[in-house]
Amino acid sequence: MSSHSNRYIITGGPGSGKSSLLSALINRNYKGFEEISRVIIREQHEMGGDMVPWQNLVGFADLCYNRMSSQLDECDANCTCFYDRGLPDIIAYVRRGGLTVPEKYFEKAKAYNNTVFLAPPWEEIFVNDDERPESFGDATEIYKFLKSTYQELGFEIVELPKTSIEDRLAFIEGILG
């Protein structure tokens, strides 16, 4: 068993229920890491910075890469950790922006469990906010970029059912055994 077998990514387009699911996992005593991109966007808004994906995707992606890399070090082998987005998400976002992905992103993307939980677009629960200005159409396109990126990187994608948080939690725990 490799040292990263306990690091699971929950990914999907904006507004697909990832953060709510992560909160439920944390309440079940799993270690969880909030979505770094939202933290950075919040910080940039507060400081009047431009390191947000719609103004400076390269700078934003690099900030995400550095913070996500640090998060990986916070997960020890004795617990199961869940990440609201992982390093492969940055690869997908940079590609969606039509930019070249730095090679270091690909190397570090291997630092997670091979199973990734993918939340599909779900219009009924989708909402916008200051950190998530994308439309539902954008969220669906992002989902497609994420899915193809994870597939290309060799991850086994497990699509989350469009169901309650409790049912999604039971679904994940069933897969983890």
N, C-alpha and C. Protein backbone atom coordinates (compact mmCIF):
# COMPACT_ATOMS: atom_id res chain seq x y z
N MET A 1 0.85 -1.18 0.00
CA MET A 1 0.00 0.00 0.00
C MET A 1 0.89 1.24 0.00
N SER A 2 0.64 2.15 -0.93
CA SER A 2 1.49 3.34 -1.02
C SER A 2 1.11 4.37 0.03
N SER A 3 2.01 5.30 0.26
CA SER A 3 1.80 6.28 1.32
C SER A 3 0.66 7.24 1.03
N HIS A 4 0.23 7.30 -0.21
CA HIS A 4 -0.85 8.24 -0.54
C HIS A 4 -2.20 7.56 -0.72
N SER A 5 -2.30 6.30 -0.34
CA SER A 5 -3.54 5.56 -0.55
C SER A 5 -4.68 6.08 0.32
N ASN A 6 -4.37 6.91 1.31
CA ASN A 6 -5.40 7.43 2.21
C ASN A 6 -5.83 8.85 1.84
N ARG A 7 -5.42 9.36 0.69
CA ARG A 7 -5.75 10.73 0.26
C ARG A 7 -6.76 10.67 -0.89
N TYR A 8 -7.99 11.05 -0.59
CA TYR A 8 -9.06 10.97 -1.58
C TYR A 8 -9.51 12.36 -2.03
N ILE A 9 -9.68 12.52 -3.32
CA ILE A 9 -10.16 13.77 -3.89
C ILE A 9 -11.66 13.67 -4.13
N ILE A 10 -12.35 14.75 -3.76
CA ILE A 10 -13.75 14.94 -4.16
C ILE A 10 -13.71 16.11 -5.13
N THR A 11 -14.11 15.87 -6.36
CA THR A 11 -14.05 16.93 -7.37
C THR A 11 -15.38 17.02 -8.11
N GLY A 12 -15.46 17.98 -8.99
CA GLY A 12 -16.67 18.22 -9.77
C GLY A 12 -16.75 19.69 -10.09
N GLY A 13 -17.68 20.05 -10.93
CA GLY A 13 -17.85 21.46 -11.28
C GLY A 13 -18.33 22.26 -10.08
N PRO A 14 -18.30 23.58 -10.19
CA PRO A 14 -18.79 24.43 -9.11
C PRO A 14 -20.27 24.12 -8.81
N GLY A 15 -20.62 24.16 -7.53
CA GLY A 15 -22.02 24.02 -7.14
C GLY A 15 -22.58 22.62 -7.25
N SER A 16 -21.73 21.60 -7.14
CA SER A 16 -22.21 20.21 -7.28
C SER A 16 -22.28 19.47 -5.94
N GLY A 17 -22.08 20.19 -4.83
CA GLY A 17 -22.23 19.60 -3.50
C GLY A 17 -20.96 19.09 -2.85
N LYS A 18 -19.79 19.43 -3.40
CA LYS A 18 -18.52 18.94 -2.85
C LYS A 18 -18.28 19.43 -1.42
N SER A 19 -18.42 20.73 -1.21
CA SER A 19 -18.11 21.31 0.10
C SER A 19 -19.05 20.80 1.18
N SER A 20 -20.32 20.64 0.86
CA SER A 20 -21.29 20.10 1.83
C SER A 20 -20.93 18.67 2.20
N LEU A 21 -20.53 17.89 1.21
CA LEU A 21 -20.12 16.51 1.46
C LEU A 21 -18.86 16.47 2.32
N LEU A 22 -17.90 17.34 2.02
CA LEU A 22 -16.67 17.40 2.82
C LEU A 22 -16.99 17.72 4.28
N SER A 23 -17.89 18.68 4.50
CA SER A 23 -18.28 19.02 5.88
C SER A 23 -18.86 17.81 6.59
N ALA A 24 -19.68 17.04 5.91
CA ALA A 24 -20.27 15.84 6.50
C ALA A 24 -19.19 14.80 6.82
N LEU A 25 -18.20 14.66 5.95
CA LEU A 25 -17.10 13.73 6.21
C LEU A 25 -16.29 14.17 7.43
N ILE A 26 -16.05 15.47 7.55
CA ILE A 26 -15.32 16.00 8.71
C ILE A 26 -16.13 15.74 9.99
N ASN A 27 -17.44 15.92 9.90
CA ASN A 27 -18.31 15.63 11.06
C ASN A 27 -18.27 14.16 11.44
N ARG A 28 -17.91 13.30 10.51
CA ARG A 28 -17.76 11.86 10.77
C ARG A 28 -16.33 11.52 11.23
N ASN A 29 -15.55 12.54 11.53
CA ASN A 29 -14.18 12.39 12.04
C ASN A 29 -13.13 11.99 11.01
N TYR A 30 -13.43 12.23 9.73
CA TYR A 30 -12.39 12.10 8.71
C TYR A 30 -11.65 13.43 8.69
N LYS A 31 -10.41 13.41 8.24
CA LYS A 31 -9.68 14.65 8.07
C LYS A 31 -10.06 15.22 6.71
N GLY A 32 -10.39 16.50 6.67
CA GLY A 32 -10.82 17.12 5.42
C GLY A 32 -10.13 18.44 5.18
N PHE A 33 -9.93 18.75 3.91
CA PHE A 33 -9.26 19.98 3.51
C PHE A 33 -10.18 20.76 2.59
N GLU A 34 -10.50 22.00 3.00
CA GLU A 34 -11.42 22.81 2.20
C GLU A 34 -10.79 23.19 0.87
N GLU A 35 -11.64 23.62 -0.03
CA GLU A 35 -11.20 23.96 -1.38
C GLU A 35 -10.27 25.17 -1.36
N ILE A 36 -9.01 24.95 -1.68
CA ILE A 36 -7.98 25.99 -1.67
C ILE A 36 -8.35 27.15 -2.59
N SER A 37 -8.92 26.84 -3.75
CA SER A 37 -9.23 27.91 -4.70
C SER A 37 -10.20 28.92 -4.09
N ARG A 38 -11.18 28.45 -3.33
CA ARG A 38 -12.13 29.38 -2.69
C ARG A 38 -11.43 30.23 -1.63
N VAL A 39 -10.51 29.63 -0.89
CA VAL A 39 -9.75 30.37 0.12
C VAL A 39 -8.95 31.49 -0.56
N ILE A 40 -8.26 31.13 -1.63
CA ILE A 40 -7.44 32.12 -2.34
C ILE A 40 -8.30 33.23 -2.94
N ILE A 41 -9.43 32.87 -3.53
CA ILE A 41 -10.32 33.88 -4.11
C ILE A 41 -10.81 34.83 -3.01
N ARG A 42 -11.19 34.26 -1.86
CA ARG A 42 -11.63 35.08 -0.72
C ARG A 42 -10.51 36.04 -0.30
N GLU A 43 -9.30 35.52 -0.15
CA GLU A 43 -8.16 36.36 0.24
C GLU A 43 -7.90 37.46 -0.78
N GLN A 44 -7.96 37.11 -2.07
CA GLN A 44 -7.70 38.09 -3.12
C GLN A 44 -8.77 39.19 -3.13
N HIS A 45 -10.03 38.83 -2.89
CA HIS A 45 -11.10 39.83 -2.80
C HIS A 45 -10.82 40.79 -1.65
N GLU A 46 -10.43 40.23 -0.50
CA GLU A 46 -10.19 41.04 0.70
C GLU A 46 -9.02 42.01 0.50
N MET A 47 -7.99 41.58 -0.22
CA MET A 47 -6.80 42.42 -0.40
C MET A 47 -6.81 43.20 -1.70
N GLY A 48 -7.86 43.02 -2.50
CA GLY A 48 -7.93 43.72 -3.79
C GLY A 48 -6.93 43.18 -4.81
N GLY A 49 -6.54 41.92 -4.65
CA GLY A 49 -5.58 41.29 -5.55
C GLY A 49 -6.22 40.78 -6.83
N ASP A 50 -5.38 40.41 -7.80
CA ASP A 50 -5.89 39.92 -9.09
C ASP A 50 -5.58 38.45 -9.33
N MET A 51 -5.12 37.74 -8.27
CA MET A 51 -4.79 36.31 -8.44
C MET A 51 -6.06 35.46 -8.34
N VAL A 52 -7.00 35.71 -9.25
CA VAL A 52 -8.24 34.95 -9.35
C VAL A 52 -8.29 34.36 -10.75
N PRO A 53 -8.98 33.24 -10.93
CA PRO A 53 -8.91 32.55 -12.22
C PRO A 53 -9.39 33.38 -13.41
N TRP A 54 -10.30 34.31 -13.20
CA TRP A 54 -10.83 35.09 -14.32
C TRP A 54 -10.00 36.34 -14.61
N GLN A 55 -8.92 36.60 -13.81
CA GLN A 55 -8.04 37.73 -14.07
C GLN A 55 -6.59 37.31 -14.33
N ASN A 56 -6.11 36.33 -13.56
CA ASN A 56 -4.71 35.90 -13.67
C ASN A 56 -4.64 34.40 -13.40
N LEU A 57 -5.04 33.62 -14.39
CA LEU A 57 -5.12 32.16 -14.21
C LEU A 57 -3.77 31.55 -13.88
N VAL A 58 -2.70 32.02 -14.50
CA VAL A 58 -1.37 31.46 -14.26
C VAL A 58 -0.95 31.68 -12.80
N GLY A 59 -1.09 32.91 -12.33
CA GLY A 59 -0.73 33.23 -10.94
C GLY A 59 -1.61 32.50 -9.95
N PHE A 60 -2.90 32.45 -10.26
CA PHE A 60 -3.86 31.76 -9.40
C PHE A 60 -3.52 30.27 -9.31
N ALA A 61 -3.26 29.65 -10.46
CA ALA A 61 -2.94 28.21 -10.50
C ALA A 61 -1.68 27.92 -9.69
N ASP A 62 -0.70 28.80 -9.77
CA ASP A 62 0.54 28.58 -9.02
C ASP A 62 0.30 28.70 -7.51
N LEU A 63 -0.52 29.67 -7.10
CA LEU A 63 -0.88 29.77 -5.68
C LEU A 63 -1.59 28.49 -5.22
N CYS A 64 -2.53 28.02 -6.04
CA CYS A 64 -3.25 26.77 -5.71
C CYS A 64 -2.28 25.60 -5.60
N TYR A 65 -1.38 25.49 -6.56
CA TYR A 65 -0.40 24.40 -6.56
C TYR A 65 0.40 24.39 -5.25
N ASN A 66 0.91 25.56 -4.86
CA ASN A 66 1.72 25.65 -3.64
C ASN A 66 0.93 25.29 -2.39
N ARG A 67 -0.29 25.80 -2.29
CA ARG A 67 -1.11 25.52 -1.10
C ARG A 67 -1.58 24.06 -1.07
N MET A 68 -1.96 23.53 -2.24
CA MET A 68 -2.40 22.13 -2.29
C MET A 68 -1.24 21.19 -1.98
N SER A 69 -0.05 21.53 -2.42
CA SER A 69 1.14 20.72 -2.11
C SER A 69 1.36 20.69 -0.60
N SER A 70 1.19 21.83 0.05
CA SER A 70 1.33 21.89 1.51
C SER A 70 0.26 21.05 2.21
N GLN A 71 -0.96 21.07 1.68
CA GLN A 71 -2.04 20.27 2.27
C GLN A 71 -1.67 18.79 2.27
N LEU A 72 -1.02 18.33 1.22
CA LEU A 72 -0.66 16.91 1.13
C LEU A 72 0.21 16.49 2.30
N ASP A 73 1.08 17.38 2.75
CA ASP A 73 1.97 17.08 3.88
C ASP A 73 1.23 16.99 5.21
N GLU A 74 0.01 17.53 5.25
CA GLU A 74 -0.76 17.53 6.49
C GLU A 74 -1.57 16.25 6.69
N CYS A 75 -1.49 15.33 5.76
CA CYS A 75 -2.24 14.07 5.86
C CYS A 75 -1.25 12.95 6.18
N ASP A 76 -1.33 12.45 7.42
CA ASP A 76 -0.42 11.36 7.77
C ASP A 76 -1.04 10.01 7.44
N ALA A 77 -0.24 8.99 7.49
CA ALA A 77 -0.67 7.64 7.06
C ALA A 77 -1.70 7.02 7.99
N ASN A 78 -1.93 7.61 9.15
CA ASN A 78 -2.84 7.01 10.13
C ASN A 78 -4.29 7.41 9.96
N CYS A 79 -4.59 8.28 9.01
CA CYS A 79 -5.99 8.70 8.85
C CYS A 79 -6.35 8.77 7.37
N THR A 80 -7.66 8.76 7.13
CA THR A 80 -8.17 8.92 5.78
C THR A 80 -8.48 10.39 5.58
N CYS A 81 -7.92 10.97 4.53
CA CYS A 81 -8.08 12.40 4.26
C CYS A 81 -8.88 12.62 2.98
N PHE A 82 -9.72 13.65 3.02
CA PHE A 82 -10.51 14.04 1.85
C PHE A 82 -10.18 15.47 1.47
N TYR A 83 -10.02 15.69 0.17
CA TYR A 83 -9.67 17.00 -0.36
C TYR A 83 -10.79 17.51 -1.25
N ASP A 84 -11.27 18.72 -0.98
CA ASP A 84 -12.23 19.38 -1.85
C ASP A 84 -11.41 19.94 -3.01
N ARG A 85 -11.31 19.19 -4.05
CA ARG A 85 -10.48 19.41 -5.23
C ARG A 85 -9.05 18.96 -4.96
N GLY A 86 -8.38 18.54 -6.02
CA GLY A 86 -6.99 18.10 -5.92
C GLY A 86 -6.15 18.76 -7.01
N LEU A 87 -4.88 18.47 -7.00
CA LEU A 87 -3.97 19.06 -7.98
C LEU A 87 -4.39 18.81 -9.44
N PRO A 88 -4.99 17.65 -9.77
CA PRO A 88 -5.45 17.48 -11.16
C PRO A 88 -6.50 18.53 -11.57
N ASP A 89 -7.23 19.08 -10.59
CA ASP A 89 -8.20 20.13 -10.92
C ASP A 89 -7.50 21.34 -11.52
N ILE A 90 -6.33 21.67 -10.99
CA ILE A 90 -5.58 22.82 -11.52
C ILE A 90 -5.21 22.56 -12.97
N ILE A 91 -4.79 21.32 -13.26
CA ILE A 91 -4.44 20.96 -14.63
C ILE A 91 -5.65 21.18 -15.54
N ALA A 92 -6.82 20.74 -15.10
CA ALA A 92 -8.05 20.89 -15.90
C ALA A 92 -8.39 22.37 -16.12
N TYR A 93 -8.29 23.16 -15.06
CA TYR A 93 -8.62 24.59 -15.18
C TYR A 93 -7.65 25.32 -16.10
N VAL A 94 -6.36 25.00 -15.98
CA VAL A 94 -5.35 25.64 -16.84
C VAL A 94 -5.59 25.24 -18.30
N ARG A 95 -5.91 23.98 -18.53
CA ARG A 95 -6.20 23.52 -19.89
C ARG A 95 -7.45 24.21 -20.44
N ARG A 96 -8.47 24.33 -19.60
CA ARG A 96 -9.71 24.99 -20.02
C ARG A 96 -9.41 26.44 -20.42
N GLY A 97 -8.43 27.05 -19.75
CA GLY A 97 -8.03 28.41 -20.08
C GLY A 97 -7.13 28.49 -21.31
N GLY A 98 -6.83 27.34 -21.91
CA GLY A 98 -6.02 27.31 -23.13
C GLY A 98 -4.53 27.54 -22.89
N LEU A 99 -4.08 27.33 -21.65
CA LEU A 99 -2.69 27.58 -21.30
C LEU A 99 -1.90 26.28 -21.15
N THR A 100 -0.58 26.39 -21.14
CA THR A 100 0.29 25.24 -20.97
C THR A 100 0.42 24.92 -19.48
N VAL A 101 0.28 23.65 -19.16
CA VAL A 101 0.36 23.20 -17.77
C VAL A 101 1.81 22.92 -17.40
N PRO A 102 2.32 23.54 -16.32
CA PRO A 102 3.69 23.25 -15.88
C PRO A 102 3.85 21.76 -15.54
N GLU A 103 4.97 21.19 -15.90
CA GLU A 103 5.24 19.76 -15.70
C GLU A 103 5.12 19.35 -14.23
N LYS A 104 5.51 20.24 -13.30
CA LYS A 104 5.47 19.90 -11.87
C LYS A 104 4.05 19.57 -11.41
N TYR A 105 3.04 20.12 -12.07
CA TYR A 105 1.64 19.83 -11.70
C TYR A 105 1.33 18.35 -11.93
N PHE A 106 1.85 17.81 -13.03
CA PHE A 106 1.59 16.40 -13.36
C PHE A 106 2.27 15.47 -12.36
N GLU A 107 3.49 15.78 -11.97
CA GLU A 107 4.22 14.94 -11.01
C GLU A 107 3.48 14.87 -9.68
N LYS A 108 3.10 16.04 -9.18
CA LYS A 108 2.46 16.12 -7.86
C LYS A 108 1.04 15.55 -7.90
N ALA A 109 0.42 15.50 -9.06
CA ALA A 109 -0.94 14.99 -9.19
C ALA A 109 -1.04 13.50 -8.83
N LYS A 110 0.12 12.83 -8.78
CA LYS A 110 0.13 11.39 -8.46
C LYS A 110 0.09 11.13 -6.95
N ALA A 111 0.01 12.18 -6.15
CA ALA A 111 0.12 12.06 -4.70
C ALA A 111 -1.19 11.73 -3.99
N TYR A 112 -2.18 11.24 -4.74
CA TYR A 112 -3.49 10.91 -4.16
C TYR A 112 -3.83 9.45 -4.43
N ASN A 113 -4.88 8.98 -3.76
CA ASN A 113 -5.42 7.66 -4.06
C ASN A 113 -5.90 7.66 -5.51
N ASN A 114 -5.83 6.51 -6.15
CA ASN A 114 -6.24 6.39 -7.54
C ASN A 114 -7.75 6.55 -7.74
N THR A 115 -8.52 6.35 -6.67
CA THR A 115 -9.97 6.52 -6.74
C THR A 115 -10.31 7.98 -6.46
N VAL A 116 -11.05 8.59 -7.36
CA VAL A 116 -11.48 9.98 -7.18
C VAL A 116 -13.00 10.03 -7.25
N PHE A 117 -13.60 10.79 -6.34
CA PHE A 117 -15.05 10.93 -6.30
C PHE A 117 -15.45 12.18 -7.07
N LEU A 118 -16.27 11.99 -8.11
CA LEU A 118 -16.64 13.07 -9.01
C LEU A 118 -18.12 13.40 -8.84
N ALA A 119 -18.39 14.65 -8.46
CA ALA A 119 -19.77 15.12 -8.31
C ALA A 119 -20.25 15.67 -9.65
N PRO A 120 -21.34 15.11 -10.18
CA PRO A 120 -21.84 15.57 -11.48
C PRO A 120 -22.55 16.92 -11.37
N PRO A 121 -22.71 17.63 -12.48
CA PRO A 121 -23.48 18.87 -12.47
C PRO A 121 -24.90 18.57 -11.96
N TRP A 122 -25.40 19.43 -11.10
CA TRP A 122 -26.70 19.19 -10.46
C TRP A 122 -27.41 20.52 -10.34
N GLU A 123 -28.21 20.84 -11.34
CA GLU A 123 -28.82 22.17 -11.44
C GLU A 123 -29.69 22.52 -10.23
N GLU A 124 -30.35 21.52 -9.64
CA GLU A 124 -31.26 21.78 -8.51
C GLU A 124 -30.55 22.34 -7.28
N ILE A 125 -29.27 22.04 -7.10
CA ILE A 125 -28.55 22.54 -5.91
C ILE A 125 -27.54 23.63 -6.27
N PHE A 126 -27.39 23.94 -7.56
CA PHE A 126 -26.39 24.90 -8.01
C PHE A 126 -26.75 26.31 -7.56
N VAL A 127 -25.76 27.03 -6.97
CA VAL A 127 -25.92 28.45 -6.64
C VAL A 127 -24.62 29.19 -6.95
N ASN A 128 -24.76 30.48 -7.25
CA ASN A 128 -23.60 31.35 -7.44
C ASN A 128 -23.29 32.07 -6.13
N ASP A 129 -22.05 32.54 -5.99
CA ASP A 129 -21.69 33.43 -4.90
C ASP A 129 -20.45 34.20 -5.34
N ASP A 130 -19.89 35.02 -4.44
CA ASP A 130 -18.74 35.87 -4.80
C ASP A 130 -17.51 35.06 -5.20
N GLU A 131 -17.40 33.84 -4.70
CA GLU A 131 -16.24 33.00 -5.01
C GLU A 131 -16.54 32.04 -6.15
N ARG A 132 -17.80 32.02 -6.60
CA ARG A 132 -18.21 31.09 -7.65
C ARG A 132 -19.12 31.84 -8.62
N PRO A 133 -18.51 32.65 -9.49
CA PRO A 133 -19.32 33.45 -10.41
C PRO A 133 -19.79 32.69 -11.65
N GLU A 134 -19.36 31.45 -11.82
CA GLU A 134 -19.68 30.69 -13.03
C GLU A 134 -21.18 30.40 -13.13
N SER A 135 -21.64 30.28 -14.38
CA SER A 135 -23.02 29.88 -14.65
C SER A 135 -23.11 28.34 -14.54
N PHE A 136 -24.33 27.82 -14.57
CA PHE A 136 -24.48 26.36 -14.57
C PHE A 136 -23.86 25.76 -15.83
N GLY A 137 -23.96 26.46 -16.96
CA GLY A 137 -23.32 26.00 -18.20
C GLY A 137 -21.81 25.90 -18.05
N ASP A 138 -21.21 26.92 -17.40
CA ASP A 138 -19.77 26.89 -17.12
C ASP A 138 -19.44 25.71 -16.22
N ALA A 139 -20.25 25.50 -15.20
CA ALA A 139 -20.01 24.41 -14.25
C ALA A 139 -20.03 23.06 -14.97
N THR A 140 -20.94 22.91 -15.92
CA THR A 140 -21.03 21.67 -16.69
C THR A 140 -19.80 21.49 -17.57
N GLU A 141 -19.34 22.57 -18.18
CA GLU A 141 -18.13 22.49 -19.01
C GLU A 141 -16.90 22.15 -18.15
N ILE A 142 -16.81 22.78 -16.98
CA ILE A 142 -15.70 22.50 -16.06
C ILE A 142 -15.72 21.03 -15.65
N TYR A 143 -16.90 20.50 -15.35
CA TYR A 143 -17.06 19.09 -15.01
C TYR A 143 -16.47 18.20 -16.12
N LYS A 144 -16.77 18.53 -17.37
CA LYS A 144 -16.26 17.73 -18.50
C LYS A 144 -14.74 17.78 -18.58
N PHE A 145 -14.17 18.99 -18.37
CA PHE A 145 -12.70 19.13 -18.37
C PHE A 145 -12.10 18.32 -17.22
N LEU A 146 -12.74 18.38 -16.05
CA LEU A 146 -12.24 17.63 -14.89
C LEU A 146 -12.26 16.14 -15.16
N LYS A 147 -13.40 15.65 -15.65
CA LYS A 147 -13.55 14.22 -15.90
C LYS A 147 -12.51 13.72 -16.91
N SER A 148 -12.33 14.44 -18.00
CA SER A 148 -11.37 13.97 -19.01
C SER A 148 -9.93 14.06 -18.49
N THR A 149 -9.63 15.09 -17.69
CA THR A 149 -8.28 15.22 -17.13
C THR A 149 -7.99 14.07 -16.17
N TYR A 150 -8.91 13.79 -15.27
CA TYR A 150 -8.71 12.68 -14.32
C TYR A 150 -8.58 11.35 -15.06
N GLN A 151 -9.41 11.14 -16.09
CA GLN A 151 -9.31 9.90 -16.87
C GLN A 151 -7.95 9.79 -17.54
N GLU A 152 -7.51 10.88 -18.15
CA GLU A 152 -6.23 10.89 -18.85
C GLU A 152 -5.07 10.62 -17.89
N LEU A 153 -5.19 11.09 -16.65
CA LEU A 153 -4.13 10.90 -15.66
C LEU A 153 -4.20 9.51 -15.01
N GLY A 154 -5.17 8.70 -15.41
CA GLY A 154 -5.24 7.32 -14.95
C GLY A 154 -6.00 7.10 -13.65
N PHE A 155 -6.76 8.08 -13.22
CA PHE A 155 -7.56 7.90 -12.01
C PHE A 155 -8.80 7.06 -12.31
N GLU A 156 -9.25 6.35 -11.31
CA GLU A 156 -10.52 5.61 -11.41
C GLU A 156 -11.60 6.55 -10.89
N ILE A 157 -12.50 6.95 -11.77
CA ILE A 157 -13.55 7.90 -11.40
C ILE A 157 -14.77 7.18 -10.86
N VAL A 158 -15.20 7.61 -9.68
CA VAL A 158 -16.43 7.10 -9.09
C VAL A 158 -17.39 8.29 -9.05
N GLU A 159 -18.42 8.25 -9.88
CA GLU A 159 -19.38 9.35 -9.94
C GLU A 159 -20.31 9.28 -8.74
N LEU A 160 -20.43 10.40 -8.04
CA LEU A 160 -21.32 10.47 -6.88
C LEU A 160 -22.76 10.53 -7.34
N PRO A 161 -23.66 9.85 -6.63
CA PRO A 161 -25.07 9.93 -7.00
C PRO A 161 -25.65 11.30 -6.63
N LYS A 162 -26.65 11.72 -7.38
CA LYS A 162 -27.36 12.96 -7.06
C LYS A 162 -28.39 12.62 -6.00
N THR A 163 -27.94 12.67 -4.77
CA THR A 163 -28.78 12.26 -3.65
C THR A 163 -28.39 13.08 -2.42
N SER A 164 -29.01 12.80 -1.29
CA SER A 164 -28.75 13.57 -0.07
C SER A 164 -27.30 13.43 0.37
N ILE A 165 -26.87 14.36 1.21
CA ILE A 165 -25.51 14.32 1.74
C ILE A 165 -25.30 13.01 2.51
N GLU A 166 -26.28 12.63 3.33
CA GLU A 166 -26.17 11.37 4.09
C GLU A 166 -26.00 10.17 3.17
N ASP A 167 -26.75 10.14 2.07
CA ASP A 167 -26.64 9.02 1.12
C ASP A 167 -25.30 9.05 0.39
N ARG A 168 -24.82 10.24 0.08
CA ARG A 168 -23.50 10.34 -0.56
C ARG A 168 -22.41 9.87 0.41
N LEU A 169 -22.56 10.21 1.67
CA LEU A 169 -21.62 9.78 2.72
C LEU A 169 -21.61 8.25 2.81
N ALA A 170 -22.78 7.67 2.86
CA ALA A 170 -22.89 6.20 2.93
C ALA A 170 -22.30 5.57 1.67
N PHE A 171 -22.50 6.19 0.53
CA PHE A 171 -21.96 5.70 -0.74
C PHE A 171 -20.42 5.66 -0.67
N ILE A 172 -19.81 6.75 -0.22
CA ILE A 172 -18.35 6.82 -0.12
C ILE A 172 -17.83 5.79 0.90
N GLU A 173 -18.47 5.73 2.06
CA GLU A 173 -18.02 4.78 3.08
C GLU A 173 -18.16 3.34 2.59
N GLY A 174 -19.18 3.08 1.77
CA GLY A 174 -19.34 1.75 1.19
C GLY A 174 -18.20 1.39 0.26
N ILE A 175 -17.73 2.36 -0.48
CA ILE A 175 -16.61 2.13 -1.41
C ILE A 175 -15.30 1.96 -0.64
N LEU A 176 -15.13 2.76 0.42
CA LEU A 176 -13.90 2.66 1.21
C LEU A 176 -13.85 1.35 1.99
N GLY A 177 -15.03 0.75 2.22
CA GLY A 177 -15.08 -0.52 2.95
C GLY A 177 -15.14 -0.25 4.42
